[in-house]
């Protein structure tokens, strides 16, 4: 799990709650189920109008990747490709056919399968490039869902506040009820702005970053398998693929070595 994402969410919530308490308020003032229902229901409905239900479900299902440590996966992938290169150098590329069932990543599995079947490097690159473009197009729809939700929720929050004010106007004869009602009405605005800026938009930005990292990882897989197919020296392959790792991952790999 990546500590930065989890810590960022907790820090944002804790900072807002602490500020509320220091101003003399209490958490109960912003816990309004009706306001939450208006903002969440309205935002989700607007998103479903813009995107197919399958895309929305896939976007929320992909949230788990935001909290996974990607750099460790890249280092593990490098070690895996080097192991394949050493085995292919000793026993030939065909020997990697026995390792196909152990590969979990579908892109790497398909790429290595084509290499084992004797596909030429140029043809392999062209085939998998088309595959990569298709995957990238599908993945880009995921952050678009959260970007749209981040745009809709503040407006829905204002709508909830207006609905609350309408109810307040019906009790102008009781000034105490008017003051309390106005305070409750603006909670919907807090929810709308809060969901947009603490969750939806940060999720979209982080997802864009993870999508780029996934694209770079598939580039690493493709170049690694093509290099194995071409019979490159494993040491040269390690140097070549290390360029796909970020600086921190390279530093940890060097320290481990």
C-alpha atoms as a PDB file:
ATOM      1  CA  UNK A   1       0.000   0.000   0.000  1.00  0.00           C
ATOM      2  CA  UNK A   2       1.204   3.494  -0.785  1.00  0.00           C
ATOM      3  CA  UNK A   3       1.334   5.556   2.399  1.00  0.00           C
ATOM      4  CA  UNK A   4       1.172   8.897   0.583  1.00  0.00           C
ATOM      5  CA  UNK A   5      -2.350   8.416  -0.805  1.00  0.00           C
ATOM      6  CA  UNK A   6      -3.798   7.084   2.440  1.00  0.00           C
ATOM      7  CA  UNK A   7      -2.016   9.705   4.514  1.00  0.00           C
ATOM      8  CA  UNK A   8      -3.144  12.500   2.195  1.00  0.00           C
ATOM      9  CA  UNK A   9      -6.822  11.590   2.517  1.00  0.00           C
ATOM     10  CA  UNK A  10      -6.591  11.252   6.303  1.00  0.00           C
ATOM     11  CA  UNK A  11      -4.631  14.507   6.640  1.00  0.00           C
ATOM     12  CA  UNK A  12      -7.178  16.454   4.556  1.00  0.00           C
ATOM     13  CA  UNK A  13     -10.123  15.182   6.609  1.00  0.00           C
ATOM     14  CA  UNK A  14      -8.296  15.686   9.910  1.00  0.00           C
ATOM     15  CA  UNK A  15      -7.289  19.240   8.984  1.00  0.00           C
ATOM     16  CA  UNK A  16     -10.855  20.255   8.124  1.00  0.00           C
ATOM     17  CA  UNK A  17     -12.339  18.650  11.231  1.00  0.00           C
ATOM     18  CA  UNK A  18      -9.648  20.199  13.450  1.00  0.00           C
ATOM     19  CA  UNK A  19     -10.312  23.627  11.947  1.00  0.00           C
ATOM     20  CA  UNK A  20     -14.036  23.229  12.577  1.00  0.00           C
ATOM     21  CA  UNK A  21     -13.458  22.308  16.222  1.00  0.00           C
ATOM     22  CA  UNK A  22     -11.008  25.170  16.779  1.00  0.00           C
ATOM     23  CA  UNK A  23     -13.654  27.572  15.490  1.00  0.00           C
ATOM     24  CA  UNK A  24     -15.999  26.328  18.191  1.00  0.00           C
ATOM     25  CA  UNK A  25     -18.045  23.999  16.027  1.00  0.00           C
ATOM     26  CA  UNK A  26     -18.639  20.273  16.299  1.00  0.00           C
ATOM     27  CA  UNK A  27     -18.666  17.395  13.845  1.00  0.00           C
ATOM     28  CA  UNK A  28     -22.394  16.892  14.277  1.00  0.00           C
ATOM     29  CA  UNK A  29     -23.034  20.202  12.525  1.00  0.00           C
ATOM     30  CA  UNK A  30     -21.775  18.857   9.198  1.00  0.00           C
ATOM     31  CA  UNK A  31     -23.170  15.338   9.505  1.00  0.00           C
ATOM     32  CA  UNK A  32     -26.388  15.911   7.546  1.00  0.00           C
ATOM     33  CA  UNK A  33     -27.666  12.746   5.798  1.00  0.00           C
ATOM     34  CA  UNK A  34     -30.092  14.728   3.666  1.00  0.00           C
ATOM     35  CA  UNK A  35     -27.372  16.986   2.260  1.00  0.00           C
ATOM     36  CA  UNK A  36     -25.117  13.982   1.620  1.00  0.00           C
ATOM     37  CA  UNK A  37     -27.961  12.195  -0.179  1.00  0.00           C
ATOM     38  CA  UNK A  38     -28.597  15.188  -2.448  1.00  0.00           C
ATOM     39  CA  UNK A  39     -24.927  15.630  -3.376  1.00  0.00           C
ATOM     40  CA  UNK A  40     -24.019  11.956  -3.799  1.00  0.00           C
ATOM     41  CA  UNK A  41     -27.246  10.984  -5.546  1.00  0.00           C
ATOM     42  CA  UNK A  42     -27.276  14.009  -7.816  1.00  0.00           C
ATOM     43  CA  UNK A  43     -23.596  13.674  -8.752  1.00  0.00           C
ATOM     44  CA  UNK A  44     -23.868   9.959  -9.436  1.00  0.00           C
ATOM     45  CA  UNK A  45     -26.983  10.500 -11.551  1.00  0.00           C
ATOM     46  CA  UNK A  46     -25.289  13.207 -13.624  1.00  0.00           C
ATOM     47  CA  UNK A  47     -22.225  10.994 -14.150  1.00  0.00           C
ATOM     48  CA  UNK A  48     -24.431   8.112 -15.290  1.00  0.00           C
ATOM     49  CA  UNK A  49     -26.036  10.402 -17.849  1.00  0.00           C
ATOM     50  CA  UNK A  50     -22.607  11.226 -19.286  1.00  0.00           C
ATOM     51  CA  UNK A  51     -20.987   7.767 -19.092  1.00  0.00           C
ATOM     52  CA  UNK A  52     -22.259   4.197 -19.568  1.00  0.00           C
ATOM     53  CA  UNK A  53     -22.873   2.303 -16.291  1.00  0.00           C
ATOM     54  CA  UNK A  54     -20.112  -0.171 -17.179  1.00  0.00           C
ATOM     55  CA  UNK A  55     -17.558   2.645 -17.427  1.00  0.00           C
ATOM     56  CA  UNK A  56     -18.670   4.164 -14.115  1.00  0.00           C
ATOM     57  CA  UNK A  57     -18.438   0.813 -12.328  1.00  0.00           C
ATOM     58  CA  UNK A  58     -15.026   0.165 -13.849  1.00  0.00           C
ATOM     59  CA  UNK A  59     -13.829   3.613 -12.708  1.00  0.00           C
ATOM     60  CA  UNK A  60     -14.856   3.040  -9.104  1.00  0.00           C
ATOM     61  CA  UNK A  61     -13.456  -0.492  -9.257  1.00  0.00           C
ATOM     62  CA  UNK A  62     -10.090   0.892 -10.356  1.00  0.00           C
ATOM     63  CA  UNK A  63      -9.751   3.004  -7.199  1.00  0.00           C
ATOM     64  CA  UNK A  64      -7.758   0.204  -5.576  1.00  0.00           C
ATOM     65  CA  UNK A  65      -4.833   0.887  -7.911  1.00  0.00           C
ATOM     66  CA  UNK A  66      -4.464   4.370  -6.404  1.00  0.00           C
ATOM     67  CA  UNK A  67      -3.298   2.885  -3.123  1.00  0.00           C
ATOM     68  CA  UNK A  68      -0.881   0.281  -4.529  1.00  0.00           C
ATOM     69  CA  UNK A  69       2.880   0.865  -4.489  1.00  0.00           C
ATOM     70  CA  UNK A  70       3.825   0.953  -8.180  1.00  0.00           C
ATOM     71  CA  UNK A  71       7.609   1.321  -7.857  1.00  0.00           C
ATOM     72  CA  UNK A  72       7.971  -2.091  -6.230  1.00  0.00           C
ATOM     73  CA  UNK A  73       5.989  -3.645  -9.065  1.00  0.00           C
ATOM     74  CA  UNK A  74       8.389  -2.112 -11.586  1.00  0.00           C
ATOM     75  CA  UNK A  75      11.409  -3.543  -9.774  1.00  0.00           C
ATOM     76  CA  UNK A  76       9.788  -6.979  -9.603  1.00  0.00           C
ATOM     77  CA  UNK A  77       9.019  -6.781 -13.319  1.00  0.00           C
ATOM     78  CA  UNK A  78      12.666  -5.985 -14.074  1.00  0.00           C
ATOM     79  CA  UNK A  79      13.823  -9.018 -12.091  1.00  0.00           C
ATOM     80  CA  UNK A  80      11.263 -11.197 -13.869  1.00  0.00           C
ATOM     81  CA  UNK A  81      12.372 -10.068 -17.330  1.00  0.00           C
ATOM     82  CA  UNK A  82      16.037 -10.610 -16.422  1.00  0.00           C
ATOM     83  CA  UNK A  83      15.206 -14.121 -15.248  1.00  0.00           C
ATOM     84  CA  UNK A  84      13.503 -14.792 -18.591  1.00  0.00           C
ATOM     85  CA  UNK A  85      16.522 -13.377 -20.441  1.00  0.00           C
ATOM     86  CA  UNK A  86      18.965 -15.623 -18.580  1.00  0.00           C
ATOM     87  CA  UNK A  87      16.819 -18.680 -19.175  1.00  0.00           C
ATOM     88  CA  UNK A  88      16.359 -17.869 -22.877  1.00  0.00           C
ATOM     89  CA  UNK A  89      20.119 -17.369 -23.237  1.00  0.00           C
ATOM     90  CA  UNK A  90      20.833 -20.820 -21.805  1.00  0.00           C
ATOM     91  CA  UNK A  91      17.907 -22.860 -23.176  1.00  0.00           C
ATOM     92  CA  UNK A  92      16.441 -20.780 -25.988  1.00  0.00           C
ATOM     93  CA  UNK A  93      13.340 -18.610 -26.238  1.00  0.00           C
ATOM     94  CA  UNK A  94      11.085 -21.657 -26.690  1.00  0.00           C
ATOM     95  CA  UNK A  95      11.939 -22.745 -23.128  1.00  0.00           C
ATOM     96  CA  UNK A  96       9.947 -19.766 -21.826  1.00  0.00           C
ATOM     97  CA  UNK A  97       6.753 -21.525 -22.886  1.00  0.00           C
ATOM     98  CA  UNK A  98       6.825 -23.336 -19.530  1.00  0.00           C
ATOM     99  CA  UNK A  99       6.749 -19.989 -17.688  1.00  0.00           C
ATOM    100  CA  UNK A 100       3.635 -18.657 -19.427  1.00  0.00           C
ATOM    101  CA  UNK A 101       1.150 -20.131 -16.887  1.00  0.00           C
ATOM    102  CA  UNK A 102       2.949 -18.330 -14.043  1.00  0.00           C
ATOM    103  CA  UNK A 103       2.621 -14.853 -15.615  1.00  0.00           C
ATOM    104  CA  UNK A 104      -0.264 -12.844 -14.175  1.00  0.00           C
ATOM    105  CA  UNK A 105      -0.076  -9.720 -16.327  1.00  0.00           C
ATOM    106  CA  UNK A 106      -2.110 -10.387 -19.509  1.00  0.00           C
ATOM    107  CA  UNK A 107      -0.056  -7.958 -21.632  1.00  0.00           C
ATOM    108  CA  UNK A 108       3.255  -9.574 -20.698  1.00  0.00           C
ATOM    109  CA  UNK A 109       1.776 -13.031 -21.147  1.00  0.00           C
ATOM    110  CA  UNK A 110       0.490 -12.262 -24.625  1.00  0.00           C
ATOM    111  CA  UNK A 111       3.753 -10.589 -25.658  1.00  0.00           C
ATOM    112  CA  UNK A 112       5.873 -13.496 -24.451  1.00  0.00           C
ATOM    113  CA  UNK A 113       3.497 -15.995 -26.046  1.00  0.00           C
ATOM    114  CA  UNK A 114       3.934 -14.356 -29.448  1.00  0.00           C
ATOM    115  CA  UNK A 115       7.706 -14.333 -28.948  1.00  0.00           C
ATOM    116  CA  UNK A 116       7.730 -18.041 -28.098  1.00  0.00           C
ATOM    117  CA  UNK A 117       5.622 -18.751 -31.192  1.00  0.00           C
ATOM    118  CA  UNK A 118       8.399 -17.268 -33.339  1.00  0.00           C
ATOM    119  CA  UNK A 119       6.981 -13.834 -34.184  1.00  0.00           C
ATOM    120  CA  UNK A 120       9.545 -11.510 -35.726  1.00  0.00           C
ATOM    121  CA  UNK A 121      10.594  -8.562 -33.488  1.00  0.00           C
ATOM    122  CA  UNK A 122       9.229  -5.925 -35.877  1.00  0.00           C
ATOM    123  CA  UNK A 123       5.896  -7.718 -36.218  1.00  0.00           C
ATOM    124  CA  UNK A 124       5.717  -8.258 -32.468  1.00  0.00           C
ATOM    125  CA  UNK A 125       6.256  -4.553 -31.828  1.00  0.00           C
ATOM    126  CA  UNK A 126       3.547  -3.547 -34.328  1.00  0.00           C
ATOM    127  CA  UNK A 127       1.014  -6.020 -32.936  1.00  0.00           C
ATOM    128  CA  UNK A 128       1.507  -5.057 -29.315  1.00  0.00           C
ATOM    129  CA  UNK A 129       1.592  -1.325 -30.092  1.00  0.00           C
ATOM    130  CA  UNK A 130      -1.978  -1.614 -31.361  1.00  0.00           C
ATOM    131  CA  UNK A 131      -2.852  -3.487 -28.160  1.00  0.00           C
ATOM    132  CA  UNK A 132      -1.254  -0.761 -26.044  1.00  0.00           C
ATOM    133  CA  UNK A 133      -3.181   1.990 -27.796  1.00  0.00           C
ATOM    134  CA  UNK A 134      -6.445   0.139 -27.212  1.00  0.00           C
ATOM    135  CA  UNK A 135      -5.675  -0.317 -23.511  1.00  0.00           C
ATOM    136  CA  UNK A 136      -4.686   3.342 -23.158  1.00  0.00           C
ATOM    137  CA  UNK A 137      -7.939   4.493 -24.767  1.00  0.00           C
ATOM    138  CA  UNK A 138      -9.982   2.395 -22.346  1.00  0.00           C
ATOM    139  CA  UNK A 139      -7.991   3.520 -19.310  1.00  0.00           C
ATOM    140  CA  UNK A 140      -8.369   7.219 -20.091  1.00  0.00           C
ATOM    141  CA  UNK A 141     -12.114   6.911 -19.565  1.00  0.00           C
ATOM    142  CA  UNK A 142     -11.589   6.098 -15.868  1.00  0.00           C
ATOM    143  CA  UNK A 143     -10.192   9.457 -14.665  1.00  0.00           C
ATOM    144  CA  UNK A 144     -12.691  11.248 -16.927  1.00  0.00           C
ATOM    145  CA  UNK A 145     -15.470   9.847 -14.729  1.00  0.00           C
ATOM    146  CA  UNK A 146     -13.977  11.414 -11.592  1.00  0.00           C
ATOM    147  CA  UNK A 147     -13.185  14.670 -13.379  1.00  0.00           C
ATOM    148  CA  UNK A 148     -16.839  14.931 -14.357  1.00  0.00           C
ATOM    149  CA  UNK A 149     -17.948  14.069 -10.819  1.00  0.00           C
ATOM    150  CA  UNK A 150     -15.611  16.785  -9.526  1.00  0.00           C
ATOM    151  CA  UNK A 151     -17.298  19.270 -11.840  1.00  0.00           C
ATOM    152  CA  UNK A 152     -20.847  18.242 -11.007  1.00  0.00           C
ATOM    153  CA  UNK A 153     -20.691  17.897  -7.208  1.00  0.00           C
ATOM    154  CA  UNK A 154     -20.110  21.594  -6.293  1.00  0.00           C
ATOM    155  CA  UNK A 155     -23.055  22.611  -8.470  1.00  0.00           C
ATOM    156  CA  UNK A 156     -25.220  19.874  -6.952  1.00  0.00           C
ATOM    157  CA  UNK A 157     -24.120  21.138  -3.539  1.00  0.00           C
ATOM    158  CA  UNK A 158     -25.357  24.628  -4.409  1.00  0.00           C
ATOM    159  CA  UNK A 159     -28.618  23.091  -5.586  1.00  0.00           C
ATOM    160  CA  UNK A 160     -28.956  21.351  -2.230  1.00  0.00           C
ATOM    161  CA  UNK A 161     -28.285  24.629  -0.423  1.00  0.00           C
ATOM    162  CA  UNK A 162     -30.995  26.390  -2.458  1.00  0.00           C
ATOM    163  CA  UNK A 163     -33.470  23.607  -1.675  1.00  0.00           C
ATOM    164  CA  UNK A 164     -32.637  24.020   1.998  1.00  0.00           C
ATOM    165  CA  UNK A 165     -33.159  27.785   1.815  1.00  0.00           C
ATOM    166  CA  UNK A 166     -36.547  27.265   0.201  1.00  0.00           C
ATOM    167  CA  UNK A 167     -37.587  25.244   3.225  1.00  0.00           C
ATOM    168  CA  UNK A 168     -36.163  27.929   5.531  1.00  0.00           C
ATOM    169  CA  UNK A 169     -38.233  30.649   3.863  1.00  0.00           C
ATOM    170  CA  UNK A 170     -41.380  28.833   4.950  1.00  0.00           C
ATOM    171  CA  UNK A 171     -40.521  29.477   8.610  1.00  0.00           C
ATOM    172  CA  UNK A 172     -39.718  33.197   8.572  1.00  0.00           C
ATOM    173  CA  UNK A 173     -42.031  33.686  11.522  1.00  0.00           C
ATOM    174  CA  UNK A 174     -39.544  31.842  13.755  1.00  0.00           C
ATOM    175  CA  UNK A 175     -36.164  33.572  13.643  1.00  0.00           C
ATOM    176  CA  UNK A 176     -34.466  30.772  15.608  1.00  0.00           C
ATOM    177  CA  UNK A 177     -35.560  28.194  13.076  1.00  0.00           C
ATOM    178  CA  UNK A 178     -34.398  30.436  10.222  1.00  0.00           C
ATOM    179  CA  UNK A 179     -30.863  30.706  11.589  1.00  0.00           C
ATOM    180  CA  UNK A 180     -30.568  26.986  12.198  1.00  0.00           C
ATOM    181  CA  UNK A 181     -32.081  26.166   8.816  1.00  0.00           C
ATOM    182  CA  UNK A 182     -29.637  28.398   6.928  1.00  0.00           C
ATOM    183  CA  UNK A 183     -26.700  26.722   8.666  1.00  0.00           C
ATOM    184  CA  UNK A 184     -28.014  23.283   7.746  1.00  0.00           C
ATOM    185  CA  UNK A 185     -28.729  24.347   4.154  1.00  0.00           C
ATOM    186  CA  UNK A 186     -25.125  25.335   3.490  1.00  0.00           C
ATOM    187  CA  UNK A 187     -23.877  21.911   4.577  1.00  0.00           C
ATOM    188  CA  UNK A 188     -24.805  20.623   1.110  1.00  0.00           C
ATOM    189  CA  UNK A 189     -22.389  23.151  -0.393  1.00  0.00           C
ATOM    190  CA  UNK A 190     -19.660  21.890   1.946  1.00  0.00           C
ATOM    191  CA  UNK A 191     -20.309  18.332   0.803  1.00  0.00           C
ATOM    192  CA  UNK A 192     -20.284  19.295  -2.867  1.00  0.00           C
ATOM    193  CA  UNK A 193     -17.048  21.276  -2.703  1.00  0.00           C
ATOM    194  CA  UNK A 194     -15.471  18.802  -0.290  1.00  0.00           C
ATOM    195  CA  UNK A 195     -16.176  15.702  -2.377  1.00  0.00           C
ATOM    196  CA  UNK A 196     -14.885  17.461  -5.499  1.00  0.00           C
ATOM    197  CA  UNK A 197     -11.629  18.798  -4.061  1.00  0.00           C
ATOM    198  CA  UNK A 198     -10.778  16.113  -1.512  1.00  0.00           C
ATOM    199  CA  UNK A 199     -11.770  13.013  -3.451  1.00  0.00           C
ATOM    200  CA  UNK A 200     -12.965  13.214  -7.046  1.00  0.00           C
ATOM    201  CA  UNK A 201     -10.374  15.584  -8.550  1.00  0.00           C
ATOM    202  CA  UNK A 202      -7.390  14.181  -6.584  1.00  0.00           C
ATOM    203  CA  UNK A 203      -8.486  10.665  -7.564  1.00  0.00           C
ATOM    204  CA  UNK A 204      -8.584  11.709 -11.224  1.00  0.00           C
ATOM    205  CA  UNK A 205      -5.133  13.295 -11.051  1.00  0.00           C
ATOM    206  CA  UNK A 206      -3.609  10.289  -9.301  1.00  0.00           C
ATOM    207  CA  UNK A 207      -5.283   7.958 -11.761  1.00  0.00           C
ATOM    208  CA  UNK A 208      -3.744   9.841 -14.690  1.00  0.00           C
ATOM    209  CA  UNK A 209      -0.347   9.355 -13.052  1.00  0.00           C
ATOM    210  CA  UNK A 210      -0.947   5.645 -12.527  1.00  0.00           C
ATOM    211  CA  UNK A 211      -2.150   5.233 -16.114  1.00  0.00           C
ATOM    212  CA  UNK A 212       1.078   6.800 -17.382  1.00  0.00           C
ATOM    213  CA  UNK A 213       3.031   4.476 -15.093  1.00  0.00           C
ATOM    214  CA  UNK A 214       1.110   1.490 -16.471  1.00  0.00           C
ATOM    215  CA  UNK A 215       1.846   2.590 -20.027  1.00  0.00           C
ATOM    216  CA  UNK A 216       5.533   2.895 -19.163  1.00  0.00           C
ATOM    217  CA  UNK A 217       5.436  -0.570 -17.590  1.00  0.00           C
ATOM    218  CA  UNK A 218       3.933  -2.082 -20.747  1.00  0.00           C
ATOM    219  CA  UNK A 219       6.622  -0.330 -22.796  1.00  0.00           C
ATOM    220  CA  UNK A 220       9.146  -1.967 -20.492  1.00  0.00           C
ATOM    221  CA  UNK A 221       7.544  -5.383 -21.014  1.00  0.00           C
ATOM    222  CA  UNK A 222       7.489  -5.002 -24.789  1.00  0.00           C
ATOM    223  CA  UNK A 223      11.078  -3.790 -25.081  1.00  0.00           C
ATOM    224  CA  UNK A 224      12.238  -6.469 -22.671  1.00  0.00           C
ATOM    225  CA  UNK A 225      10.602  -9.325 -24.567  1.00  0.00           C
ATOM    226  CA  UNK A 226      11.838  -8.002 -27.928  1.00  0.00           C
ATOM    227  CA  UNK A 227      15.363  -7.744 -26.497  1.00  0.00           C
ATOM    228  CA  UNK A 228      15.110 -11.342 -25.276  1.00  0.00           C
ATOM    229  CA  UNK A 229      13.887 -12.401 -28.713  1.00  0.00           C
ATOM    230  CA  UNK A 230      16.861 -10.654 -30.294  1.00  0.00           C
ATOM    231  CA  UNK A 231      19.254 -12.408 -27.906  1.00  0.00           C
ATOM    232  CA  UNK A 232      20.581  -9.336 -26.122  1.00  0.00           C
ATOM    233  CA  UNK A 233      23.008  -9.883 -23.249  1.00  0.00           C
ATOM    234  CA  UNK A 234      21.137  -9.926 -19.897  1.00  0.00           C
ATOM    235  CA  UNK A 235      23.503  -7.307 -18.435  1.00  0.00           C
ATOM    236  CA  UNK A 236      22.816  -4.977 -21.339  1.00  0.00           C
ATOM    237  CA  UNK A 237      19.118  -5.693 -20.960  1.00  0.00           C
ATOM    238  CA  UNK A 238      19.253  -4.697 -17.294  1.00  0.00           C
ATOM    239  CA  UNK A 239      20.874  -1.382 -18.160  1.00  0.00           C
ATOM    240  CA  UNK A 240      18.345  -0.766 -20.921  1.00  0.00           C
ATOM    241  CA  UNK A 241      15.269  -1.554 -18.830  1.00  0.00           C
ATOM    242  CA  UNK A 242      16.530   0.383 -15.814  1.00  0.00           C
ATOM    243  CA  UNK A 243      15.751   3.533 -17.772  1.00  0.00           C
ATOM    244  CA  UNK A 244      12.045   2.745 -17.371  1.00  0.00           C
ATOM    245  CA  UNK A 245      12.307   2.836 -13.558  1.00  0.00           C
ATOM    246  CA  UNK A 246      11.928   6.053 -11.614  1.00  0.00           C
ATOM    247  CA  UNK A 247      14.842   7.470  -9.642  1.00  0.00           C
ATOM    248  CA  UNK A 248      13.748   6.090  -6.271  1.00  0.00           C
ATOM    249  CA  UNK A 249      13.238   2.585  -7.667  1.00  0.00           C
ATOM    250  CA  UNK A 250      16.696   2.661  -9.280  1.00  0.00           C
ATOM    251  CA  UNK A 251      18.248   3.755  -6.005  1.00  0.00           C
ATOM    252  CA  UNK A 252      16.596   0.929  -4.060  1.00  0.00           C
ATOM    253  CA  UNK A 253      17.660  -1.578  -6.712  1.00  0.00           C
ATOM    254  CA  UNK A 254      21.277  -0.409  -6.515  1.00  0.00           C
ATOM    255  CA  UNK A 255      21.247  -0.589  -2.705  1.00  0.00           C
ATOM    256  CA  UNK A 256      19.832  -4.118  -2.840  1.00  0.00           C
ATOM    257  CA  UNK A 257      22.484  -5.136  -5.357  1.00  0.00           C
END
